[in-house]
C-alpha atoms as a PDB file:
ATOM      1  CA  UNK A   1       7.112 -19.190  18.567  1.00  0.00           C
ATOM      2  CA  UNK A   2       3.456 -18.555  18.081  1.00  0.00           C
ATOM      3  CA  UNK A   3       1.220 -17.788  21.120  1.00  0.00           C
ATOM      4  CA  UNK A   4      -1.287 -20.244  22.000  1.00  0.00           C
ATOM      5  CA  UNK A   5      -4.829 -19.482  21.212  1.00  0.00           C
ATOM      6  CA  UNK A   6      -6.634 -17.694  24.082  1.00  0.00           C
ATOM      7  CA  UNK A   7      -9.896 -18.988  25.304  1.00  0.00           C
ATOM      8  CA  UNK A   8     -11.650 -15.704  23.870  1.00  0.00           C
ATOM      9  CA  UNK A   9      -9.821 -16.568  20.385  1.00  0.00           C
ATOM     10  CA  UNK A  10     -11.197 -19.853  20.668  1.00  0.00           C
ATOM     11  CA  UNK A  11     -14.527 -19.001  21.391  1.00  0.00           C
ATOM     12  CA  UNK A  12     -14.690 -16.404  18.497  1.00  0.00           C
ATOM     13  CA  UNK A  13     -13.475 -19.114  16.489  1.00  0.00           C
ATOM     14  CA  UNK A  14     -16.317 -21.512  17.323  1.00  0.00           C
ATOM     15  CA  UNK A  15     -18.586 -18.244  17.032  1.00  0.00           C
ATOM     16  CA  UNK A  16     -17.450 -17.792  13.472  1.00  0.00           C
ATOM     17  CA  UNK A  17     -17.858 -21.298  12.655  1.00  0.00           C
ATOM     18  CA  UNK A  18     -21.241 -21.441  13.780  1.00  0.00           C
ATOM     19  CA  UNK A  19     -22.164 -18.550  11.804  1.00  0.00           C
ATOM     20  CA  UNK A  20     -20.638 -20.193   8.794  1.00  0.00           C
ATOM     21  CA  UNK A  21     -22.776 -23.113   9.530  1.00  0.00           C
ATOM     22  CA  UNK A  22     -25.815 -21.236   9.871  1.00  0.00           C
ATOM     23  CA  UNK A  23     -25.189 -19.988   6.198  1.00  0.00           C
ATOM     24  CA  UNK A  24     -24.744 -23.607   5.257  1.00  0.00           C
ATOM     25  CA  UNK A  25     -28.002 -24.817   6.756  1.00  0.00           C
ATOM     26  CA  UNK A  26     -29.712 -22.036   4.752  1.00  0.00           C
ATOM     27  CA  UNK A  27     -28.048 -23.176   1.704  1.00  0.00           C
ATOM     28  CA  UNK A  28     -29.372 -26.880   2.187  1.00  0.00           C
ATOM     29  CA  UNK A  29     -32.811 -25.742   2.973  1.00  0.00           C
ATOM     30  CA  UNK A  30     -32.984 -23.629  -0.138  1.00  0.00           C
ATOM     31  CA  UNK A  31     -31.414 -26.665  -2.335  1.00  0.00           C
ATOM     32  CA  UNK A  32     -34.327 -28.895  -0.906  1.00  0.00           C
ATOM     33  CA  UNK A  33     -36.753 -26.572  -2.641  1.00  0.00           C
ATOM     34  CA  UNK A  34     -34.863 -26.282  -6.142  1.00  0.00           C
ATOM     35  CA  UNK A  35     -36.910 -27.366  -9.103  1.00  0.00           C
ATOM     36  CA  UNK A  36     -35.785 -30.498 -11.069  1.00  0.00           C
ATOM     37  CA  UNK A  37     -34.726 -28.570 -14.225  1.00  0.00           C
ATOM     38  CA  UNK A  38     -31.090 -26.832 -14.548  1.00  0.00           C
ATOM     39  CA  UNK A  39     -30.339 -23.442 -16.203  1.00  0.00           C
ATOM     40  CA  UNK A  40     -31.449 -22.213 -19.550  1.00  0.00           C
ATOM     41  CA  UNK A  41     -29.437 -21.886 -22.872  1.00  0.00           C
ATOM     42  CA  UNK A  42     -26.367 -20.112 -23.333  1.00  0.00           C
ATOM     43  CA  UNK A  43     -25.525 -17.963 -26.268  1.00  0.00           C
ATOM     44  CA  UNK A  44     -23.964 -19.392 -29.355  1.00  0.00           C
ATOM     45  CA  UNK A  45     -21.834 -16.241 -30.362  1.00  0.00           C
ATOM     46  CA  UNK A  46     -18.173 -16.436 -29.320  1.00  0.00           C
ATOM     47  CA  UNK A  47     -17.731 -14.038 -25.978  1.00  0.00           C
ATOM     48  CA  UNK A  48     -15.981 -10.808 -27.045  1.00  0.00           C
ATOM     49  CA  UNK A  49     -12.538 -10.260 -25.513  1.00  0.00           C
ATOM     50  CA  UNK A  50     -11.635  -6.387 -25.154  1.00  0.00           C
ATOM     51  CA  UNK A  51      -8.172  -6.878 -23.635  1.00  0.00           C
ATOM     52  CA  UNK A  52      -4.780  -8.512 -24.292  1.00  0.00           C
ATOM     53  CA  UNK A  53      -5.493 -10.933 -21.454  1.00  0.00           C
ATOM     54  CA  UNK A  54      -8.251 -13.705 -22.567  1.00  0.00           C
ATOM     55  CA  UNK A  55     -10.489 -14.385 -19.747  1.00  0.00           C
ATOM     56  CA  UNK A  56     -12.626 -17.780 -19.618  1.00  0.00           C
ATOM     57  CA  UNK A  57     -16.220 -18.119 -20.752  1.00  0.00           C
ATOM     58  CA  UNK A  58     -17.011 -21.911 -19.711  1.00  0.00           C
ATOM     59  CA  UNK A  59     -17.446 -22.515 -16.338  1.00  0.00           C
ATOM     60  CA  UNK A  60     -17.244 -25.780 -14.562  1.00  0.00           C
ATOM     61  CA  UNK A  61     -20.133 -27.546 -13.007  1.00  0.00           C
ATOM     62  CA  UNK A  62     -19.483 -27.205  -9.508  1.00  0.00           C
ATOM     63  CA  UNK A  63     -21.480 -26.519  -6.361  1.00  0.00           C
ATOM     64  CA  UNK A  64     -19.648 -25.382  -3.122  1.00  0.00           C
ATOM     65  CA  UNK A  65     -20.944 -25.295   0.528  1.00  0.00           C
ATOM     66  CA  UNK A  66     -21.295 -21.930   2.261  1.00  0.00           C
ATOM     67  CA  UNK A  67     -19.452 -19.701   2.731  1.00  0.00           C
ATOM     68  CA  UNK A  68     -17.493 -20.956  -0.307  1.00  0.00           C
ATOM     69  CA  UNK A  69     -13.864 -21.278  -0.305  1.00  0.00           C
ATOM     70  CA  UNK A  70     -11.593 -19.869  -3.197  1.00  0.00           C
ATOM     71  CA  UNK A  71      -9.298 -22.905  -2.431  1.00  0.00           C
ATOM     72  CA  UNK A  72     -12.349 -25.376  -3.346  1.00  0.00           C
ATOM     73  CA  UNK A  73     -13.066 -23.778  -6.906  1.00  0.00           C
ATOM     74  CA  UNK A  74     -12.239 -25.778  -9.696  1.00  0.00           C
ATOM     75  CA  UNK A  75     -11.511 -22.728 -12.042  1.00  0.00           C
ATOM     76  CA  UNK A  76      -9.677 -20.104  -9.941  1.00  0.00           C
ATOM     77  CA  UNK A  77     -10.587 -16.612  -9.963  1.00  0.00           C
ATOM     78  CA  UNK A  78      -7.895 -14.534 -11.425  1.00  0.00           C
ATOM     79  CA  UNK A  79      -7.221 -11.949  -8.998  1.00  0.00           C
ATOM     80  CA  UNK A  80      -3.270 -10.890  -9.727  1.00  0.00           C
ATOM     81  CA  UNK A  81      -3.633  -8.472 -12.649  1.00  0.00           C
ATOM     82  CA  UNK A  82      -0.385  -8.954 -13.996  1.00  0.00           C
ATOM     83  CA  UNK A  83      -0.417  -6.480 -16.221  1.00  0.00           C
ATOM     84  CA  UNK A  84      -1.339  -3.718 -13.555  1.00  0.00           C
ATOM     85  CA  UNK A  85       1.705  -1.627 -12.791  1.00  0.00           C
ATOM     86  CA  UNK A  86       1.438   0.227  -9.358  1.00  0.00           C
ATOM     87  CA  UNK A  87       2.744   3.844  -8.881  1.00  0.00           C
ATOM     88  CA  UNK A  88       2.176   4.702  -5.279  1.00  0.00           C
ATOM     89  CA  UNK A  89      -1.504   6.029  -5.440  1.00  0.00           C
ATOM     90  CA  UNK A  90      -1.891   4.768  -2.007  1.00  0.00           C
ATOM     91  CA  UNK A  91       1.379   5.134  -0.686  1.00  0.00           C
ATOM     92  CA  UNK A  92       1.578   5.041   3.226  1.00  0.00           C
ATOM     93  CA  UNK A  93      -2.505   4.391   3.616  1.00  0.00           C
ATOM     94  CA  UNK A  94      -4.239   1.584   5.320  1.00  0.00           C
ATOM     95  CA  UNK A  95      -7.024  -0.303   4.058  1.00  0.00           C
ATOM     96  CA  UNK A  96      -9.485  -2.312   5.785  1.00  0.00           C
ATOM     97  CA  UNK A  97     -11.470  -4.806   3.687  1.00  0.00           C
ATOM     98  CA  UNK A  98     -14.390  -7.035   4.588  1.00  0.00           C
ATOM     99  CA  UNK A  99     -14.725 -10.208   2.870  1.00  0.00           C
ATOM    100  CA  UNK A 100     -11.058  -9.617   2.015  1.00  0.00           C
ATOM    101  CA  UNK A 101     -10.235 -13.435   1.836  1.00  0.00           C
ATOM    102  CA  UNK A 102     -11.439 -14.155  -1.541  1.00  0.00           C
ATOM    103  CA  UNK A 103     -12.997 -13.111  -4.684  1.00  0.00           C
ATOM    104  CA  UNK A 104     -13.164  -9.095  -5.333  1.00  0.00           C
ATOM    105  CA  UNK A 105     -12.159  -8.544  -1.813  1.00  0.00           C
ATOM    106  CA  UNK A 106      -8.863 -10.676  -2.373  1.00  0.00           C
ATOM    107  CA  UNK A 107      -8.062  -8.997  -5.741  1.00  0.00           C
ATOM    108  CA  UNK A 108      -8.844  -5.272  -4.040  1.00  0.00           C
ATOM    109  CA  UNK A 109      -6.409  -6.233  -1.197  1.00  0.00           C
ATOM    110  CA  UNK A 110      -3.683  -7.164  -3.775  1.00  0.00           C
ATOM    111  CA  UNK A 111      -3.748  -4.075  -5.849  1.00  0.00           C
ATOM    112  CA  UNK A 112      -3.952  -1.898  -2.733  1.00  0.00           C
ATOM    113  CA  UNK A 113      -0.945  -3.566  -1.426  1.00  0.00           C
ATOM    114  CA  UNK A 114       0.721  -2.890  -4.911  1.00  0.00           C
ATOM    115  CA  UNK A 115      -0.200   0.826  -4.701  1.00  0.00           C
ATOM    116  CA  UNK A 116       1.497   1.040  -1.375  1.00  0.00           C
ATOM    117  CA  UNK A 117      -1.098   0.395   1.312  1.00  0.00           C
ATOM    118  CA  UNK A 118      -0.983  -1.925   4.395  1.00  0.00           C
ATOM    119  CA  UNK A 119      -4.343  -3.954   4.463  1.00  0.00           C
ATOM    120  CA  UNK A 120      -6.518  -5.628   7.281  1.00  0.00           C
ATOM    121  CA  UNK A 121      -8.665  -8.637   6.044  1.00  0.00           C
ATOM    122  CA  UNK A 122     -12.025  -9.249   7.664  1.00  0.00           C
ATOM    123  CA  UNK A 123     -13.229 -12.631   6.803  1.00  0.00           C
ATOM    124  CA  UNK A 124     -15.789 -15.099   8.315  1.00  0.00           C
ATOM    125  CA  UNK A 125     -14.310 -18.386   8.756  1.00  0.00           C
ATOM    126  CA  UNK A 126     -12.380 -19.216   5.442  1.00  0.00           C
ATOM    127  CA  UNK A 127      -8.738 -19.183   6.892  1.00  0.00           C
ATOM    128  CA  UNK A 128      -6.774 -21.005   4.228  1.00  0.00           C
ATOM    129  CA  UNK A 129      -8.356 -18.283   1.867  1.00  0.00           C
ATOM    130  CA  UNK A 130      -7.594 -15.451   4.316  1.00  0.00           C
ATOM    131  CA  UNK A 131      -3.798 -17.014   4.356  1.00  0.00           C
ATOM    132  CA  UNK A 132      -3.420 -17.217   0.636  1.00  0.00           C
ATOM    133  CA  UNK A 133      -4.688 -13.323   0.585  1.00  0.00           C
ATOM    134  CA  UNK A 134      -2.101 -12.458   2.879  1.00  0.00           C
ATOM    135  CA  UNK A 135       0.869 -14.214   1.060  1.00  0.00           C
ATOM    136  CA  UNK A 136       0.199 -12.251  -2.126  1.00  0.00           C
ATOM    137  CA  UNK A 137      -0.417  -9.042   0.171  1.00  0.00           C
ATOM    138  CA  UNK A 138       3.081  -9.595   1.736  1.00  0.00           C
ATOM    139  CA  UNK A 139       4.540 -10.473  -1.600  1.00  0.00           C
ATOM    140  CA  UNK A 140       3.578  -6.703  -2.789  1.00  0.00           C
ATOM    141  CA  UNK A 141       5.821  -5.614   0.096  1.00  0.00           C
ATOM    142  CA  UNK A 142       3.341  -4.578   2.526  1.00  0.00           C
ATOM    143  CA  UNK A 143       1.771  -5.857   5.905  1.00  0.00           C
ATOM    144  CA  UNK A 144      -1.651  -7.731   6.262  1.00  0.00           C
ATOM    145  CA  UNK A 145      -3.286  -8.292   9.418  1.00  0.00           C
ATOM    146  CA  UNK A 146      -6.275 -11.052   9.533  1.00  0.00           C
ATOM    147  CA  UNK A 147      -9.192 -10.347  11.564  1.00  0.00           C
ATOM    148  CA  UNK A 148     -11.658 -13.399  11.623  1.00  0.00           C
ATOM    149  CA  UNK A 149     -15.333 -12.417  12.769  1.00  0.00           C
ATOM    150  CA  UNK A 150     -18.925 -11.974  11.854  1.00  0.00           C
ATOM    151  CA  UNK A 151     -19.737  -8.486  10.533  1.00  0.00           C
ATOM    152  CA  UNK A 152     -23.194  -8.998  11.672  1.00  0.00           C
ATOM    153  CA  UNK A 153     -21.920  -8.391  15.252  1.00  0.00           C
ATOM    154  CA  UNK A 154     -21.600  -4.728  15.963  1.00  0.00           C
ATOM    155  CA  UNK A 155     -19.140  -5.322  18.934  1.00  0.00           C
ATOM    156  CA  UNK A 156     -16.837  -7.243  16.426  1.00  0.00           C
ATOM    157  CA  UNK A 157     -16.958  -4.593  13.869  1.00  0.00           C
ATOM    158  CA  UNK A 158     -15.768  -2.022  16.572  1.00  0.00           C
ATOM    159  CA  UNK A 159     -12.834  -4.396  17.444  1.00  0.00           C
ATOM    160  CA  UNK A 160     -11.975  -5.081  14.124  1.00  0.00           C
ATOM    161  CA  UNK A 161     -11.634  -1.323  13.456  1.00  0.00           C
ATOM    162  CA  UNK A 162      -9.492  -0.808  16.610  1.00  0.00           C
ATOM    163  CA  UNK A 163      -7.249  -3.755  15.931  1.00  0.00           C
ATOM    164  CA  UNK A 164      -6.461  -2.036  12.588  1.00  0.00           C
ATOM    165  CA  UNK A 165      -5.820   1.188  13.955  1.00  0.00           C
ATOM    166  CA  UNK A 166      -3.670  -0.135  16.848  1.00  0.00           C
ATOM    167  CA  UNK A 167      -1.564  -2.284  14.398  1.00  0.00           C
ATOM    168  CA  UNK A 168      -1.206   0.120  11.503  1.00  0.00           C
ATOM    169  CA  UNK A 169      -1.568   3.568  13.547  1.00  0.00           C
ATOM    170  CA  UNK A 170      -4.582   4.567  11.742  1.00  0.00           C
ATOM    171  CA  UNK A 171      -7.138   3.488   8.901  1.00  0.00           C
ATOM    172  CA  UNK A 172      -7.603   5.713   5.752  1.00  0.00           C
ATOM    173  CA  UNK A 173      -9.941   3.287   3.454  1.00  0.00           C
ATOM    174  CA  UNK A 174     -12.726   1.228   4.441  1.00  0.00           C
ATOM    175  CA  UNK A 175     -14.044  -1.414   1.798  1.00  0.00           C
ATOM    176  CA  UNK A 176     -17.279  -2.840   2.828  1.00  0.00           C
ATOM    177  CA  UNK A 177     -17.577  -6.177   0.575  1.00  0.00           C
ATOM    178  CA  UNK A 178     -18.628  -8.918   2.705  1.00  0.00           C
ATOM    179  CA  UNK A 179     -22.059 -10.463   1.505  1.00  0.00           C
ATOM    180  CA  UNK A 180     -24.526 -13.301   2.145  1.00  0.00           C
ATOM    181  CA  UNK A 181     -26.359 -14.474  -1.281  1.00  0.00           C
ATOM    182  CA  UNK A 182     -28.775 -17.211  -1.551  1.00  0.00           C
ATOM    183  CA  UNK A 183     -31.376 -17.349  -4.664  1.00  0.00           C
ATOM    184  CA  UNK A 184     -34.839 -18.441  -4.218  1.00  0.00           C
ATOM    185  CA  UNK A 185     -37.207 -19.219  -6.926  1.00  0.00           C
ATOM    186  CA  UNK A 186     -40.529 -17.680  -5.112  1.00  0.00           C
ATOM    187  CA  UNK A 187     -40.742 -15.241  -2.320  1.00  0.00           C
ATOM    188  CA  UNK A 188     -42.565 -17.911  -0.029  1.00  0.00           C
ATOM    189  CA  UNK A 189     -38.991 -19.784   0.089  1.00  0.00           C
ATOM    190  CA  UNK A 190     -37.350 -16.894   2.011  1.00  0.00           C
ATOM    191  CA  UNK A 191     -37.723 -17.603   5.336  1.00  0.00           C
ATOM    192  CA  UNK A 192     -37.413 -15.059   8.520  1.00  0.00           C
ATOM    193  CA  UNK A 193     -34.179 -16.343   9.431  1.00  0.00           C
ATOM    194  CA  UNK A 194     -33.031 -16.396   5.831  1.00  0.00           C
ATOM    195  CA  UNK A 195     -34.085 -12.588   5.326  1.00  0.00           C
ATOM    196  CA  UNK A 196     -32.382 -11.758   8.720  1.00  0.00           C
ATOM    197  CA  UNK A 197     -29.123 -13.421   7.575  1.00  0.00           C
ATOM    198  CA  UNK A 198     -28.844 -11.277   4.396  1.00  0.00           C
ATOM    199  CA  UNK A 199     -29.970  -8.031   5.769  1.00  0.00           C
ATOM    200  CA  UNK A 200     -27.747  -8.230   8.862  1.00  0.00           C
ATOM    201  CA  UNK A 201     -24.752  -9.435   6.629  1.00  0.00           C
ATOM    202  CA  UNK A 202     -25.209  -6.926   3.702  1.00  0.00           C
ATOM    203  CA  UNK A 203     -26.422  -3.683   5.058  1.00  0.00           C
ATOM    204  CA  UNK A 204     -26.253  -3.876   9.099  1.00  0.00           C
ATOM    205  CA  UNK A 205     -22.639  -4.977   8.472  1.00  0.00           C
ATOM    206  CA  UNK A 206     -21.681  -2.093   6.198  1.00  0.00           C
ATOM    207  CA  UNK A 207     -23.688   0.164   8.596  1.00  0.00           C
ATOM    208  CA  UNK A 208     -21.701  -1.079  11.596  1.00  0.00           C
ATOM    209  CA  UNK A 209     -18.299  -1.068   9.970  1.00  0.00           C
ATOM    210  CA  UNK A 210     -18.642   2.584   8.833  1.00  0.00           C
ATOM    211  CA  UNK A 211     -19.997   3.430  12.241  1.00  0.00           C
ATOM    212  CA  UNK A 212     -17.035   2.122  13.769  1.00  0.00           C
ATOM    213  CA  UNK A 213     -14.339   3.447  11.068  1.00  0.00           C
ATOM    214  CA  UNK A 214     -15.818   7.106  10.884  1.00  0.00           C
ATOM    215  CA  UNK A 215     -14.373   8.327  14.010  1.00  0.00           C
ATOM    216  CA  UNK A 216     -10.758   7.330  12.750  1.00  0.00           C
ATOM    217  CA  UNK A 217     -11.096   8.599   9.315  1.00  0.00           C
ATOM    218  CA  UNK A 218      -9.576  12.070   8.549  1.00  0.00           C
ATOM    219  CA  UNK A 219      -9.584  14.624   5.471  1.00  0.00           C
ATOM    220  CA  UNK A 220      -8.467  12.494   2.388  1.00  0.00           C
ATOM    221  CA  UNK A 221     -10.269   9.318   3.677  1.00  0.00           C
ATOM    222  CA  UNK A 222     -12.876   7.287   1.995  1.00  0.00           C
ATOM    223  CA  UNK A 223     -15.323   4.482   2.082  1.00  0.00           C
ATOM    224  CA  UNK A 224     -15.974   2.142  -0.472  1.00  0.00           C
ATOM    225  CA  UNK A 225     -19.249  -0.213  -0.659  1.00  0.00           C
ATOM    226  CA  UNK A 226     -19.567  -3.186  -3.005  1.00  0.00           C
ATOM    227  CA  UNK A 227     -23.145  -2.887  -4.253  1.00  0.00           C
ATOM    228  CA  UNK A 228     -24.399  -4.580  -7.321  1.00  0.00           C
ATOM    229  CA  UNK A 229     -26.215  -4.674 -10.598  1.00  0.00           C
ATOM    230  CA  UNK A 230     -29.256  -6.446  -8.944  1.00  0.00           C
ATOM    231  CA  UNK A 231     -29.436  -3.259  -6.581  1.00  0.00           C
ATOM    232  CA  UNK A 232     -30.027  -1.183  -9.940  1.00  0.00           C
ATOM    233  CA  UNK A 233     -32.445  -3.304 -11.712  1.00  0.00           C
ATOM    234  CA  UNK A 234     -33.541  -6.096  -9.438  1.00  0.00           C
ATOM    235  CA  UNK A 235     -33.254  -9.822  -9.856  1.00  0.00           C
ATOM    236  CA  UNK A 236     -36.380 -12.211  -9.818  1.00  0.00           C
ATOM    237  CA  UNK A 237     -34.624 -14.850  -7.931  1.00  0.00           C
ATOM    238  CA  UNK A 238     -32.486 -12.721  -5.518  1.00  0.00           C
ATOM    239  CA  UNK A 239     -35.223 -10.837  -3.920  1.00  0.00           C
ATOM    240  CA  UNK A 240     -33.664 -10.336  -0.483  1.00  0.00           C
ATOM    241  CA  UNK A 241     -30.233  -9.894  -1.786  1.00  0.00           C
ATOM    242  CA  UNK A 242     -31.365  -7.251  -4.483  1.00  0.00           C
ATOM    243  CA  UNK A 243     -33.179  -5.233  -1.748  1.00  0.00           C
ATOM    244  CA  UNK A 244     -29.933  -5.092   0.460  1.00  0.00           C
ATOM    245  CA  UNK A 245     -27.817  -3.628  -2.803  1.00  0.00           C
ATOM    246  CA  UNK A 246     -30.246  -1.264  -3.297  1.00  0.00           C
ATOM    247  CA  UNK A 247     -30.123  -0.387   0.438  1.00  0.00           C
ATOM    248  CA  UNK A 248     -26.199  -0.167  -0.008  1.00  0.00           C
ATOM    249  CA  UNK A 249     -26.496   2.201  -2.900  1.00  0.00           C
ATOM    250  CA  UNK A 250     -28.716   4.723  -0.993  1.00  0.00           C
ATOM    251  CA  UNK A 251     -26.735   4.267   2.193  1.00  0.00           C
ATOM    252  CA  UNK A 252     -23.628   5.548   0.063  1.00  0.00           C
ATOM    253  CA  UNK A 253     -25.366   8.428  -1.461  1.00  0.00           C
ATOM    254  CA  UNK A 254     -26.580   9.475   2.099  1.00  0.00           C
ATOM    255  CA  UNK A 255     -23.441   8.936   3.782  1.00  0.00           C
ATOM    256  CA  UNK A 256     -21.522  10.607   1.329  1.00  0.00           C
ATOM    257  CA  UNK A 257     -23.748  13.571   2.071  1.00  0.00           C
ATOM    258  CA  UNK A 258     -23.024  13.311   5.741  1.00  0.00           C
ATOM    259  CA  UNK A 259     -19.220  13.038   5.407  1.00  0.00           C
ATOM    260  CA  UNK A 260     -18.400  15.511   2.845  1.00  0.00           C
ATOM    261  CA  UNK A 261     -17.589  18.489   5.242  1.00  0.00           C
ATOM    262  CA  UNK A 262     -15.313  16.216   7.061  1.00  0.00           C
ATOM    263  CA  UNK A 263     -13.251  15.735   3.952  1.00  0.00           C
ATOM    264  CA  UNK A 264     -14.282  12.021   3.380  1.00  0.00           C
ATOM    265  CA  UNK A 265     -15.604  10.492   0.249  1.00  0.00           C
ATOM    266  CA  UNK A 266     -18.099   7.786  -0.087  1.00  0.00           C
ATOM    267  CA  UNK A 267     -18.650   5.743  -3.153  1.00  0.00           C
ATOM    268  CA  UNK A 268     -19.858   2.165  -4.246  1.00  0.00           C
ATOM    269  CA  UNK A 269     -19.333  -0.245  -7.135  1.00  0.00           C
ATOM    270  CA  UNK A 270     -21.864  -2.288  -8.529  1.00  0.00           C
ATOM    271  CA  UNK A 271     -20.523  -5.335 -10.306  1.00  0.00           C
ATOM    272  CA  UNK A 272     -22.412  -7.447 -12.486  1.00  0.00           C
ATOM    273  CA  UNK A 273     -21.887 -11.156 -12.281  1.00  0.00           C
ATOM    274  CA  UNK A 274     -18.210 -11.829 -10.926  1.00  0.00           C
ATOM    275  CA  UNK A 275     -16.551 -15.297 -10.840  1.00  0.00           C
ATOM    276  CA  UNK A 276     -15.989 -15.677  -6.881  1.00  0.00           C
ATOM    277  CA  UNK A 277     -16.731 -18.508  -4.525  1.00  0.00           C
ATOM    278  CA  UNK A 278     -20.019 -16.574  -3.522  1.00  0.00           C
ATOM    279  CA  UNK A 279     -21.643 -17.916  -6.651  1.00  0.00           C
ATOM    280  CA  UNK A 280     -20.827 -21.513  -6.995  1.00  0.00           C
ATOM    281  CA  UNK A 281     -22.076 -21.527  -3.237  1.00  0.00           C
ATOM    282  CA  UNK A 282     -25.430 -20.138  -4.471  1.00  0.00           C
ATOM    283  CA  UNK A 283     -26.150 -21.773  -7.359  1.00  0.00           C
ATOM    284  CA  UNK A 284     -26.394 -25.580  -8.314  1.00  0.00           C
ATOM    285  CA  UNK A 285     -23.988 -27.433 -10.382  1.00  0.00           C
ATOM    286  CA  UNK A 286     -26.461 -27.308 -13.304  1.00  0.00           C
ATOM    287  CA  UNK A 287     -27.123 -23.803 -13.201  1.00  0.00           C
ATOM    288  CA  UNK A 288     -23.653 -22.217 -12.623  1.00  0.00           C
ATOM    289  CA  UNK A 289     -22.366 -23.162 -15.947  1.00  0.00           C
ATOM    290  CA  UNK A 290     -24.819 -20.449 -17.486  1.00  0.00           C
ATOM    291  CA  UNK A 291     -23.377 -17.772 -14.952  1.00  0.00           C
ATOM    292  CA  UNK A 292     -22.795 -14.575 -16.617  1.00  0.00           C
ATOM    293  CA  UNK A 293     -23.908 -15.513 -20.143  1.00  0.00           C
ATOM    294  CA  UNK A 294     -26.740 -13.069 -19.888  1.00  0.00           C
ATOM    295  CA  UNK A 295     -24.196 -10.311 -20.299  1.00  0.00           C
ATOM    296  CA  UNK A 296     -23.024  -8.827 -23.447  1.00  0.00           C
ATOM    297  CA  UNK A 297     -19.310 -10.086 -22.599  1.00  0.00           C
ATOM    298  CA  UNK A 298     -21.355 -13.658 -22.241  1.00  0.00           C
ATOM    299  CA  UNK A 299     -19.076 -14.524 -19.391  1.00  0.00           C
ATOM    300  CA  UNK A 300     -18.801 -13.550 -15.929  1.00  0.00           C
ATOM    301  CA  UNK A 301     -15.967 -11.031 -14.806  1.00  0.00           C
ATOM    302  CA  UNK A 302     -12.940 -12.093 -13.499  1.00  0.00           C
ATOM    303  CA  UNK A 303     -12.118 -10.188  -9.891  1.00  0.00           C
ATOM    304  CA  UNK A 304      -8.943  -8.440 -11.571  1.00  0.00           C
ATOM    305  CA  UNK A 305     -11.070  -6.870 -13.856  1.00  0.00           C
ATOM    306  CA  UNK A 306     -12.943  -4.756 -10.994  1.00  0.00           C
ATOM    307  CA  UNK A 307     -10.004  -4.175  -8.530  1.00  0.00           C
ATOM    308  CA  UNK A 308      -8.589  -1.215 -10.542  1.00  0.00           C
ATOM    309  CA  UNK A 309     -11.937   0.508  -9.751  1.00  0.00           C
ATOM    310  CA  UNK A 310     -11.341   0.107  -6.298  1.00  0.00           C
ATOM    311  CA  UNK A 311      -8.081   1.898  -6.557  1.00  0.00           C
ATOM    312  CA  UNK A 312      -9.461   4.222  -8.699  1.00  0.00           C
ATOM    313  CA  UNK A 313     -12.169   5.411  -6.046  1.00  0.00           C
ATOM    314  CA  UNK A 314      -9.878   5.006  -3.212  1.00  0.00           C
ATOM    315  CA  UNK A 315      -7.009   7.432  -4.414  1.00  0.00           C
ATOM    316  CA  UNK A 316      -7.265  10.875  -3.669  1.00  0.00           C
ATOM    317  CA  UNK A 317      -4.862  11.429  -6.804  1.00  0.00           C
ATOM    318  CA  UNK A 318      -7.565   9.780  -9.042  1.00  0.00           C
ATOM    319  CA  UNK A 319     -11.070  10.701  -7.532  1.00  0.00           C
ATOM    320  CA  UNK A 320     -10.639  13.430  -5.292  1.00  0.00           C
ATOM    321  CA  UNK A 321     -13.803  15.328  -6.974  1.00  0.00           C
ATOM    322  CA  UNK A 322     -15.885  12.275  -6.676  1.00  0.00           C
ATOM    323  CA  UNK A 323     -18.082  11.067  -3.942  1.00  0.00           C
ATOM    324  CA  UNK A 324     -21.762   9.635  -3.604  1.00  0.00           C
ATOM    325  CA  UNK A 325     -21.758   7.942  -6.768  1.00  0.00           C
ATOM    326  CA  UNK A 326     -22.463   4.152  -7.824  1.00  0.00           C
ATOM    327  CA  UNK A 327     -20.359   3.057 -10.424  1.00  0.00           C
ATOM    328  CA  UNK A 328     -21.575   0.048 -12.686  1.00  0.00           C
ATOM    329  CA  UNK A 329     -19.186  -2.393 -13.794  1.00  0.00           C
ATOM    330  CA  UNK A 330     -21.801  -4.934 -15.321  1.00  0.00           C
ATOM    331  CA  UNK A 331     -20.295  -6.529 -18.454  1.00  0.00           C
ATOM    332  CA  UNK A 332     -23.335  -5.049 -20.475  1.00  0.00           C
ATOM    333  CA  UNK A 333     -24.113  -2.066 -22.513  1.00  0.00           C
ATOM    334  CA  UNK A 334     -25.623   0.899 -20.951  1.00  0.00           C
ATOM    335  CA  UNK A 335     -26.055  -0.586 -17.382  1.00  0.00           C
END
């Protein structure tokens, strides 16, 4: 029989939902500023396929409310990586993944479990997505702890790490992946409140989680930060988001130098466009159909195309001599 939710738990759930509603309010504000015209023209060539698995290039015209639930997406992101075979690369390890309820975070959680790790998932308010991720982690034979909360709150970040350590008797891998993204057509559209939300979620949250986790990390542990291609080359319509991703890349390299003597590696992955709830919750239904078509692959990546890279950077067997890098997985040649 399940315990009844405590008053503190109910208060936390209320605060998390309030944070999600704040993001929806920022989204509605931007939607009102949208120009009438839709997205641009797509490429005419057939998108190249480089593996045995064929990935979709045509996207549905769908717009989601923030923070965006994978359960609500018409075209479900592919995260199971059916051809990936685990070999114990993370056996006996414990991973904490922020934004692990859906998208890249979900795909990483599943592969970490397949490689032998127990997983704690930090997420804001998408309980249905989080429960689905937990089912898939447990299907791989590992344990999964769900921790709802807002990474903008340093006290919550400390609590999330402490819960993970208490549940699994330690922590070996921190994946900072939670993000807030909302486009803007001009700088003047970005309010102080919007700027605060983006920076506090995307870079403050990474800093808070790392600060809480570092005392528990030991030789062979690692931190992996999710950066972005827009942190490498900018984006005219993602001014605040791009700035936070550039900050994440610099934070990664700086923290790698700081923690090297402790035997802890710190790296980042800079994805290009990836089909996750983040994007249809950012773009209009008319614009999202063009998402990813500017890449050489002429489509966005699916989360399972990125998750093996997170395994590679997490496993000391694979990457013990790698720290302080930003690994671009952008779908385009040379970037």
